Amino acid sequence: MGKVAAKMKVMPNSPELDLDELQDKLEASLPEGAQINGFERDNVAFGLVALLPTVLVADGAGGTEAVEEAFSSVEGVESVAVENVGRI
């Protein structure tokens, strides 16, 4: 079974949220078998900055669903979306 790299967009619920702390929480919430291969940041508007983690997961049933659910349950996360997916 191969691996899939998914670039995700995680929107915080407030511009005042500490993004370094949010990154740590996202990494801690990852389901077994998934790993983060780096973060980017995207200035959205009015001081709001989205986190763009690239997540590596096994190319199996469910794909990025477990990661999306884990990220959505983190305190301070408004929304999670998959931006791009590719096999590696």
PDB file of N, CA and C in Angstrom:
ATOM      1  N   MET A   1       0.849  -1.173   0.000  1.00  0.00           N
ATOM      2  CA  MET A   1       0.000   0.000   0.000  1.00  0.00           C
ATOM      3  C   MET A   1       0.893   1.235   0.000  1.00  0.00           C
ATOM      4  N   GLY A   2       0.554   2.233  -0.816  1.00  0.00           N
ATOM      5  CA  GLY A   2       1.326   3.457  -0.924  1.00  0.00           C
ATOM      6  C   GLY A   2       0.907   4.504   0.079  1.00  0.00           C
ATOM      7  N   LYS A   3       1.472   5.673  -0.096  1.00  0.00           N
ATOM      8  CA  LYS A   3       1.129   6.799   0.779  1.00  0.00           C
ATOM      9  C   LYS A   3       0.545   7.924  -0.048  1.00  0.00           C
ATOM     10  N   VAL A   4      -0.235   8.746   0.639  1.00  0.00           N
ATOM     11  CA  VAL A   4      -0.866   9.904   0.026  1.00  0.00           C
ATOM     12  C   VAL A   4      -0.446  11.140   0.803  1.00  0.00           C
ATOM     13  N   ALA A   5      -0.109  12.202   0.081  1.00  0.00           N
ATOM     14  CA  ALA A   5       0.180  13.493   0.709  1.00  0.00           C
ATOM     15  C   ALA A   5      -1.022  14.395   0.471  1.00  0.00           C
ATOM     16  N   ALA A   6      -1.570  14.919   1.550  1.00  0.00           N
ATOM     17  CA  ALA A   6      -2.744  15.792   1.441  1.00  0.00           C
ATOM     18  C   ALA A   6      -2.415  17.151   2.053  1.00  0.00           C
ATOM     19  N   LYS A   7      -2.580  18.197   1.264  1.00  0.00           N
ATOM     20  CA  LYS A   7      -2.422  19.549   1.790  1.00  0.00           C
ATOM     21  C   LYS A   7      -3.789  19.989   2.289  1.00  0.00           C
ATOM     22  N   MET A   8      -3.845  20.341   3.560  1.00  0.00           N
ATOM     23  CA  MET A   8      -5.110  20.689   4.179  1.00  0.00           C
ATOM     24  C   MET A   8      -5.101  22.155   4.577  1.00  0.00           C
ATOM     25  N   LYS A   9      -6.280  22.719   4.723  1.00  0.00           N
ATOM     26  CA  LYS A   9      -6.423  24.102   5.171  1.00  0.00           C
ATOM     27  C   LYS A   9      -7.205  24.092   6.482  1.00  0.00           C
ATOM     28  N   VAL A  10      -6.548  24.537   7.544  1.00  0.00           N
ATOM     29  CA  VAL A  10      -7.155  24.574   8.866  1.00  0.00           C
ATOM     30  C   VAL A  10      -7.368  26.029   9.244  1.00  0.00           C
ATOM     31  N   MET A  11      -8.633  26.409   9.401  1.00  0.00           N
ATOM     32  CA  MET A  11      -8.977  27.786   9.762  1.00  0.00           C
ATOM     33  C   MET A  11      -9.180  27.886  11.274  1.00  0.00           C
ATOM     34  N   PRO A  12      -8.418  28.766  11.935  1.00  0.00           N
ATOM     35  CA  PRO A  12      -8.650  28.988  13.369  1.00  0.00           C
ATOM     36  C   PRO A  12      -9.931  29.791  13.568  1.00  0.00           C
ATOM     37  N   ASN A  13     -10.513  29.695  14.771  1.00  0.00           N
ATOM     38  CA  ASN A  13     -11.776  30.400  15.016  1.00  0.00           C
ATOM     39  C   ASN A  13     -11.576  31.841  15.454  1.00  0.00           C
ATOM     40  N   SER A  14     -10.310  32.287  15.571  1.00  0.00           N
ATOM     41  CA  SER A  14     -10.046  33.657  15.997  1.00  0.00           C
ATOM     42  C   SER A  14      -8.676  34.104  15.507  1.00  0.00           C
ATOM     43  N   PRO A  15      -8.537  35.382  15.097  1.00  0.00           N
ATOM     44  CA  PRO A  15      -7.219  35.876  14.699  1.00  0.00           C
ATOM     45  C   PRO A  15      -6.247  35.987  15.884  1.00  0.00           C
ATOM     46  N   GLU A  16      -6.770  35.979  17.105  1.00  0.00           N
ATOM     47  CA  GLU A  16      -5.924  36.101  18.294  1.00  0.00           C
ATOM     48  C   GLU A  16      -5.332  34.771  18.737  1.00  0.00           C
ATOM     49  N   LEU A  17      -5.734  33.671  18.117  1.00  0.00           N
ATOM     50  CA  LEU A  17      -5.280  32.341  18.510  1.00  0.00           C
ATOM     51  C   LEU A  17      -3.781  32.191  18.236  1.00  0.00           C
ATOM     52  N   ASP A  18      -3.045  31.593  19.177  1.00  0.00           N
ATOM     53  CA  ASP A  18      -1.614  31.328  19.027  1.00  0.00           C
ATOM     54  C   ASP A  18      -1.438  30.186  18.030  1.00  0.00           C
ATOM     55  N   LEU A  19      -0.916  30.496  16.844  1.00  0.00           N
ATOM     56  CA  LEU A  19      -0.807  29.484  15.781  1.00  0.00           C
ATOM     57  C   LEU A  19       0.243  28.423  16.080  1.00  0.00           C
ATOM     58  N   ASP A  20       1.294  28.779  16.808  1.00  0.00           N
ATOM     59  CA  ASP A  20       2.300  27.777  17.171  1.00  0.00           C
ATOM     60  C   ASP A  20       1.679  26.733  18.102  1.00  0.00           C
ATOM     61  N   GLU A  21       0.865  27.200  19.040  1.00  0.00           N
ATOM     62  CA  GLU A  21       0.175  26.286  19.954  1.00  0.00           C
ATOM     63  C   GLU A  21      -0.821  25.418  19.188  1.00  0.00           C
ATOM     64  N   LEU A  22      -1.533  26.023  18.229  1.00  0.00           N
ATOM     65  CA  LEU A  22      -2.492  25.268  17.420  1.00  0.00           C
ATOM     66  C   LEU A  22      -1.772  24.188  16.605  1.00  0.00           C
ATOM     67  N   GLN A  23      -0.611  24.512  16.056  1.00  0.00           N
ATOM     68  CA  GLN A  23       0.171  23.517  15.315  1.00  0.00           C
ATOM     69  C   GLN A  23       0.504  22.328  16.201  1.00  0.00           C
ATOM     70  N   ASP A  24       0.933  22.605  17.432  1.00  0.00           N
ATOM     71  CA  ASP A  24       1.269  21.519  18.363  1.00  0.00           C
ATOM     72  C   ASP A  24       0.054  20.646  18.658  1.00  0.00           C
ATOM     73  N   LYS A  25      -1.101  21.283  18.839  1.00  0.00           N
ATOM     74  CA  LYS A  25      -2.333  20.530  19.114  1.00  0.00           C
ATOM     75  C   LYS A  25      -2.736  19.660  17.922  1.00  0.00           C
ATOM     76  N   LEU A  26      -2.567  20.200  16.706  1.00  0.00           N
ATOM     77  CA  LEU A  26      -2.900  19.428  15.506  1.00  0.00           C
ATOM     78  C   LEU A  26      -1.998  18.203  15.396  1.00  0.00           C
ATOM     79  N   GLU A  27      -0.703  18.391  15.634  1.00  0.00           N
ATOM     80  CA  GLU A  27       0.228  17.259  15.570  1.00  0.00           C
ATOM     81  C   GLU A  27      -0.123  16.205  16.616  1.00  0.00           C
ATOM     82  N   ALA A  28      -0.499  16.640  17.809  1.00  0.00           N
ATOM     83  CA  ALA A  28      -0.845  15.715  18.884  1.00  0.00           C
ATOM     84  C   ALA A  28      -2.140  14.954  18.593  1.00  0.00           C
ATOM     85  N   SER A  29      -3.018  15.523  17.772  1.00  0.00           N
ATOM     86  CA  SER A  29      -4.318  14.904  17.505  1.00  0.00           C
ATOM     87  C   SER A  29      -4.284  13.881  16.365  1.00  0.00           C
ATOM     88  N   LEU A  30      -3.169  13.773  15.670  1.00  0.00           N
ATOM     89  CA  LEU A  30      -3.097  12.888  14.500  1.00  0.00           C
ATOM     90  C   LEU A  30      -3.430  11.438  14.842  1.00  0.00           C
ATOM     91  N   PRO A  31      -4.225  10.796  13.991  1.00  0.00           N
ATOM     92  CA  PRO A  31      -4.500   9.373  14.207  1.00  0.00           C
ATOM     93  C   PRO A  31      -3.244   8.544  13.915  1.00  0.00           C
ATOM     94  N   GLU A  32      -3.231   7.321  14.406  1.00  0.00           N
ATOM     95  CA  GLU A  32      -2.087   6.433  14.202  1.00  0.00           C
ATOM     96  C   GLU A  32      -1.840   6.219  12.712  1.00  0.00           C
ATOM     97  N   GLY A  33      -0.563   6.271  12.325  1.00  0.00           N
ATOM     98  CA  GLY A  33      -0.200   6.044  10.934  1.00  0.00           C
ATOM     99  C   GLY A  33      -0.113   7.305  10.099  1.00  0.00           C
ATOM    100  N   ALA A  34      -0.584   8.428  10.623  1.00  0.00           N
ATOM    101  CA  ALA A  34      -0.522   9.698   9.890  1.00  0.00           C
ATOM    102  C   ALA A  34       0.619  10.535  10.459  1.00  0.00           C
ATOM    103  N   GLN A  35       1.207  11.357   9.600  1.00  0.00           N
ATOM    104  CA  GLN A  35       2.250  12.266  10.068  1.00  0.00           C
ATOM    105  C   GLN A  35       2.201  13.564   9.285  1.00  0.00           C
ATOM    106  N   ILE A  36       2.664  14.635   9.923  1.00  0.00           N
ATOM    107  CA  ILE A  36       2.691  15.937   9.269  1.00  0.00           C
ATOM    108  C   ILE A  36       4.072  16.128   8.657  1.00  0.00           C
ATOM    109  N   ASN A  37       4.082  16.548   7.408  1.00  0.00           N
ATOM    110  CA  ASN A  37       5.322  16.744   6.663  1.00  0.00           C
ATOM    111  C   ASN A  37       5.604  18.236   6.468  1.00  0.00           C
ATOM    112  N   GLY A  38       5.131  19.065   7.386  1.00  0.00           N
ATOM    113  CA  GLY A  38       5.389  20.500   7.305  1.00  0.00           C
ATOM    114  C   GLY A  38       4.122  21.331   7.339  1.00  0.00           C
ATOM    115  N   PHE A  39       4.309  22.583   7.725  1.00  0.00           N
ATOM    116  CA  PHE A  39       3.215  23.547   7.802  1.00  0.00           C
ATOM    117  C   PHE A  39       3.558  24.765   6.966  1.00  0.00           C
ATOM    118  N   GLU A  40       2.548  25.342   6.350  1.00  0.00           N
ATOM    119  CA  GLU A  40       2.652  26.661   5.728  1.00  0.00           C
ATOM    120  C   GLU A  40       1.572  27.511   6.363  1.00  0.00           C
ATOM    121  N   ARG A  41       1.678  28.811   6.182  1.00  0.00           N
ATOM    122  CA  ARG A  41       0.647  29.726   6.688  1.00  0.00           C
ATOM    123  C   ARG A  41       0.156  30.597   5.548  1.00  0.00           C
ATOM    124  N   ASP A  42      -1.140  30.887   5.572  1.00  0.00           N
ATOM    125  CA  ASP A  42      -1.763  31.671   4.511  1.00  0.00           C
ATOM    126  C   ASP A  42      -2.556  32.805   5.142  1.00  0.00           C
ATOM    127  N   ASN A  43      -2.171  34.051   4.839  1.00  0.00           N
ATOM    128  CA  ASN A  43      -2.923  35.213   5.330  1.00  0.00           C
ATOM    129  C   ASN A  43      -4.239  35.274   4.588  1.00  0.00           C
ATOM    130  N   VAL A  44      -5.333  35.110   5.328  1.00  0.00           N
ATOM    131  CA  VAL A  44      -6.650  35.054   4.711  1.00  0.00           C
ATOM    132  C   VAL A  44      -7.230  36.464   4.599  1.00  0.00           C
ATOM    133  N   ALA A  45      -7.502  37.103   5.733  1.00  0.00           N
ATOM    134  CA  ALA A  45      -8.062  38.456   5.733  1.00  0.00           C
ATOM    135  C   ALA A  45      -8.168  38.978   7.156  1.00  0.00           C
ATOM    136  N   PHE A  46      -8.021  40.262   7.321  1.00  0.00           N
ATOM    137  CA  PHE A  46      -8.243  40.939   8.601  1.00  0.00           C
ATOM    138  C   PHE A  46      -7.475  40.288   9.750  1.00  0.00           C
ATOM    139  N   GLY A  47      -6.220  39.898   9.499  1.00  0.00           N
ATOM    140  CA  GLY A  47      -5.397  39.305  10.534  1.00  0.00           C
ATOM    141  C   GLY A  47      -5.594  37.820  10.748  1.00  0.00           C
ATOM    142  N   LEU A  48      -6.539  37.217  10.036  1.00  0.00           N
ATOM    143  CA  LEU A  48      -6.785  35.781  10.175  1.00  0.00           C
ATOM    144  C   LEU A  48      -5.792  35.020   9.292  1.00  0.00           C
ATOM    145  N   VAL A  49      -5.109  34.048   9.894  1.00  0.00           N
ATOM    146  CA  VAL A  49      -4.109  33.262   9.183  1.00  0.00           C
ATOM    147  C   VAL A  49      -4.506  31.787   9.250  1.00  0.00           C
ATOM    148  N   ALA A  50      -4.561  31.148   8.090  1.00  0.00           N
ATOM    149  CA  ALA A  50      -4.885  29.717   8.022  1.00  0.00           C
ATOM    150  C   ALA A  50      -3.596  28.914   8.084  1.00  0.00           C
ATOM    151  N   LEU A  51      -3.668  27.748   8.706  1.00  0.00           N
ATOM    152  CA  LEU A  51      -2.554  26.812   8.702  1.00  0.00           C
ATOM    153  C   LEU A  51      -2.761  25.834   7.557  1.00  0.00           C
ATOM    154  N   LEU A  52      -1.684  25.523   6.850  1.00  0.00           N
ATOM    155  CA  LEU A  52      -1.752  24.595   5.726  1.00  0.00           C
ATOM    156  C   LEU A  52      -0.789  23.432   5.967  1.00  0.00           C
ATOM    157  N   PRO A  53      -1.199  22.447   6.777  1.00  0.00           N
ATOM    158  CA  PRO A  53      -0.333  21.299   7.000  1.00  0.00           C
ATOM    159  C   PRO A  53      -0.388  20.335   5.812  1.00  0.00           C
ATOM    160  N   THR A  54       0.761  19.729   5.505  1.00  0.00           N
ATOM    161  CA  THR A  54       0.801  18.633   4.545  1.00  0.00           C
ATOM    162  C   THR A  54       0.880  17.355   5.360  1.00  0.00           C
ATOM    163  N   VAL A  55      -0.124  16.498   5.182  1.00  0.00           N
ATOM    164  CA  VAL A  55      -0.255  15.293   5.994  1.00  0.00           C
ATOM    165  C   VAL A  55      -0.018  14.067   5.115  1.00  0.00           C
ATOM    166  N   LEU A  56       0.796  13.143   5.621  1.00  0.00           N
ATOM    167  CA  LEU A  56       1.041  11.878   4.931  1.00  0.00           C
ATOM    168  C   LEU A  56       0.211  10.788   5.594  1.00  0.00           C
ATOM    169  N   VAL A  57      -0.588  10.087   4.783  1.00  0.00           N
ATOM    170  CA  VAL A  57      -1.427   8.993   5.286  1.00  0.00           C
ATOM    171  C   VAL A  57      -1.315   7.807   4.339  1.00  0.00           C
ATOM    172  N   ALA A  58      -1.639   6.620   4.846  1.00  0.00           N
ATOM    173  CA  ALA A  58      -1.638   5.422   4.011  1.00  0.00           C
ATOM    174  C   ALA A  58      -2.750   5.529   2.974  1.00  0.00           C
ATOM    175  N   ASP A  59      -2.478   5.000   1.799  1.00  0.00           N
ATOM    176  CA  ASP A  59      -3.447   5.029   0.704  1.00  0.00           C
ATOM    177  C   ASP A  59      -4.424   3.870   0.879  1.00  0.00           C
ATOM    178  N   GLY A  60      -5.333   4.022   1.845  1.00  0.00           N
ATOM    179  CA  GLY A  60      -6.290   2.956   2.128  1.00  0.00           C
ATOM    180  C   GLY A  60      -7.694   3.512   2.222  1.00  0.00           C
ATOM    181  N   ALA A  61      -8.568   2.698   2.721  1.00  0.00           N
ATOM    182  CA  ALA A  61      -9.965   3.097   2.874  1.00  0.00           C
ATOM    183  C   ALA A  61     -10.066   4.290   3.814  1.00  0.00           C
ATOM    184  N   GLY A  62     -10.832   5.265   3.444  1.00  0.00           N
ATOM    185  CA  GLY A  62     -11.047   6.426   4.295  1.00  0.00           C
ATOM    186  C   GLY A  62     -10.168   7.608   3.949  1.00  0.00           C
ATOM    187  N   GLY A  63      -9.003   7.359   3.395  1.00  0.00           N
ATOM    188  CA  GLY A  63      -8.111   8.441   2.992  1.00  0.00           C
ATOM    189  C   GLY A  63      -7.814   9.406   4.122  1.00  0.00           C
ATOM    190  N   THR A  64      -8.174  10.657   3.934  1.00  0.00           N
ATOM    191  CA  THR A  64      -7.864  11.703   4.911  1.00  0.00           C
ATOM    192  C   THR A  64      -8.986  11.922   5.920  1.00  0.00           C
ATOM    193  N   GLU A  65     -10.033  11.127   5.854  1.00  0.00           N
ATOM    194  CA  GLU A  65     -11.197  11.329   6.717  1.00  0.00           C
ATOM    195  C   GLU A  65     -10.852  11.351   8.208  1.00  0.00           C
ATOM    196  N   ALA A  66     -10.035  10.398   8.649  1.00  0.00           N
ATOM    197  CA  ALA A  66      -9.674  10.322  10.071  1.00  0.00           C
ATOM    198  C   ALA A  66      -8.897  11.559  10.504  1.00  0.00           C
ATOM    199  N   VAL A  67      -8.028  12.056   9.628  1.00  0.00           N
ATOM    200  CA  VAL A  67      -7.249  13.261   9.948  1.00  0.00           C
ATOM    201  C   VAL A  67      -8.171  14.476  10.011  1.00  0.00           C
ATOM    202  N   GLU A  68      -9.092  14.584   9.061  1.00  0.00           N
ATOM    203  CA  GLU A  68     -10.042  15.698   9.063  1.00  0.00           C
ATOM    204  C   GLU A  68     -10.858  15.713  10.354  1.00  0.00           C
ATOM    205  N   GLU A  69     -11.336  14.554  10.782  1.00  0.00           N
ATOM    206  CA  GLU A  69     -12.115  14.460  12.014  1.00  0.00           C
ATOM    207  C   GLU A  69     -11.274  14.830  13.226  1.00  0.00           C
ATOM    208  N   ALA A  70     -10.024  14.354  13.250  1.00  0.00           N
ATOM    209  CA  ALA A  70      -9.132  14.657  14.376  1.00  0.00           C
ATOM    210  C   ALA A  70      -8.854  16.156  14.455  1.00  0.00           C
ATOM    211  N   PHE A  71      -8.548  16.772  13.312  1.00  0.00           N
ATOM    212  CA  PHE A  71      -8.270  18.208  13.290  1.00  0.00           C
ATOM    213  C   PHE A  71      -9.506  19.011  13.685  1.00  0.00           C
ATOM    214  N   SER A  72     -10.679  18.581  13.235  1.00  0.00           N
ATOM    215  CA  SER A  72     -11.922  19.304  13.549  1.00  0.00           C
ATOM    216  C   SER A  72     -12.236  19.295  15.037  1.00  0.00           C
ATOM    217  N   SER A  73     -11.758  18.267  15.741  1.00  0.00           N
ATOM    218  CA  SER A  73     -12.056  18.160  17.174  1.00  0.00           C
ATOM    219  C   SER A  73     -11.096  18.975  18.046  1.00  0.00           C
ATOM    220  N   VAL A  74     -10.059  19.552  17.450  1.00  0.00           N
ATOM    221  CA  VAL A  74      -9.083  20.344  18.209  1.00  0.00           C
ATOM    222  C   VAL A  74      -9.702  21.690  18.587  1.00  0.00           C
ATOM    223  N   GLU A  75      -9.513  22.076  19.845  1.00  0.00           N
ATOM    224  CA  GLU A  75     -10.033  23.354  20.331  1.00  0.00           C
ATOM    225  C   GLU A  75      -9.368  24.497  19.563  1.00  0.00           C
ATOM    226  N   GLY A  76     -10.183  25.429  19.076  1.00  0.00           N
ATOM    227  CA  GLY A  76      -9.673  26.578  18.335  1.00  0.00           C
ATOM    228  C   GLY A  76      -9.778  26.447  16.827  1.00  0.00           C
ATOM    229  N   VAL A  77     -10.198  25.265  16.349  1.00  0.00           N
ATOM    230  CA  VAL A  77     -10.325  25.040  14.905  1.00  0.00           C
ATOM    231  C   VAL A  77     -11.757  25.344  14.469  1.00  0.00           C
ATOM    232  N   GLU A  78     -11.882  26.241  13.508  1.00  0.00           N
ATOM    233  CA  GLU A  78     -13.190  26.598  12.953  1.00  0.00           C
ATOM    234  C   GLU A  78     -13.599  25.620  11.849  1.00  0.00           C
ATOM    235  N   SER A  79     -12.667  25.332  10.919  1.00  0.00           N
ATOM    236  CA  SER A  79     -12.985  24.426   9.820  1.00  0.00           C
ATOM    237  C   SER A  79     -11.721  23.766   9.286  1.00  0.00           C
ATOM    238  N   VAL A  80     -11.935  22.632   8.606  1.00  0.00           N
ATOM    239  CA  VAL A  80     -10.841  21.874   7.996  1.00  0.00           C
ATOM    240  C   VAL A  80     -11.279  21.511   6.586  1.00  0.00           C
ATOM    241  N   ALA A  81     -10.390  21.720   5.624  1.00  0.00           N
ATOM    242  CA  ALA A  81     -10.699  21.372   4.237  1.00  0.00           C
ATOM    243  C   ALA A  81      -9.455  20.773   3.596  1.00  0.00           C
ATOM    244  N   VAL A  82      -9.667  19.817   2.686  1.00  0.00           N
ATOM    245  CA  VAL A  82      -8.564  19.246   1.926  1.00  0.00           C
ATOM    246  C   VAL A  82      -8.397  20.105   0.671  1.00  0.00           C
ATOM    247  N   GLU A  83      -7.189  20.652   0.505  1.00  0.00           N
ATOM    248  CA  GLU A  83      -6.895  21.530  -0.632  1.00  0.00           C
ATOM    249  C   GLU A  83      -6.384  20.748  -1.837  1.00  0.00           C
ATOM    250  N   ASN A  84      -5.521  19.740  -1.566  1.00  0.00           N
ATOM    251  CA  ASN A  84      -4.860  19.031  -2.661  1.00  0.00           C
ATOM    252  C   ASN A  84      -4.440  17.652  -2.155  1.00  0.00           C
ATOM    253  N   VAL A  85      -4.558  16.632  -3.009  1.00  0.00           N
ATOM    254  CA  VAL A  85      -4.167  15.276  -2.636  1.00  0.00           C
ATOM    255  C   VAL A  85      -3.368  14.672  -3.788  1.00  0.00           C
ATOM    256  N   GLY A  86      -2.294  13.970  -3.434  1.00  0.00           N
ATOM    257  CA  GLY A  86      -1.502  13.298  -4.448  1.00  0.00           C
ATOM    258  C   GLY A  86      -0.791  12.093  -3.863  1.00  0.00           C
ATOM    259  N   ARG A  87      -0.521  11.106  -4.701  1.00  0.00           N
ATOM    260  CA  ARG A  87       0.219   9.912  -4.269  1.00  0.00           C
ATOM    261  C   ARG A  87       1.701  10.211  -4.246  1.00  0.00           C
ATOM    262  N   ILE A  88       2.383   9.551  -3.306  1.00  0.00           N
ATOM    263  CA  ILE A  88       3.844   9.680  -3.267  1.00  0.00           C
ATOM    264  C   ILE A  88       4.479   8.308  -3.278  1.00  0.00           C
TER     265      ILE A  88
END
